[in-house]
C-alpha cells in the first residue's frame, strides 16, 4: 500500500502479480485449484493487480486527511498526528492519521 503516485501504481501493477506467482509456489498446502487459477488461467494475479491498483487510487493524501479531520465532531477530545511513513518499496510513502485520547495516560 502506498500513496497515489506513479511509483505506487507501478509497484502494484508489476510486483503484485509477480508476488502472487511466487507466493503460490511457496504455499505449504497443495491445491490443484490454486495452481489452476494462478498459472493455467491467471485469474489470481489479475485480481491482485486490479485490487492493488484500486486500493492505491483510494489512499487519502495528508491534505485530504486534514480536511476529513476538520469536518469531524469531537476532534478536540483527541491529539491528532498526520504524517507519512515509508513502504518497503522505494519512494512510496504511506500516509497515516493517528488519534490518541487527551485524557489517556500512555506508558
Foldseek 3Di string as FASTA:
>chain_A
DFALDPQQLVCLQPVQLVVLVVVLVVDPDDDPVSCCCCPVVNVPSVVSSVVSNVVNVPADDLVVVVVVLVPDPPSVQWDKDWDWDDDPRPPGIHIDIDTDGPPDDDD
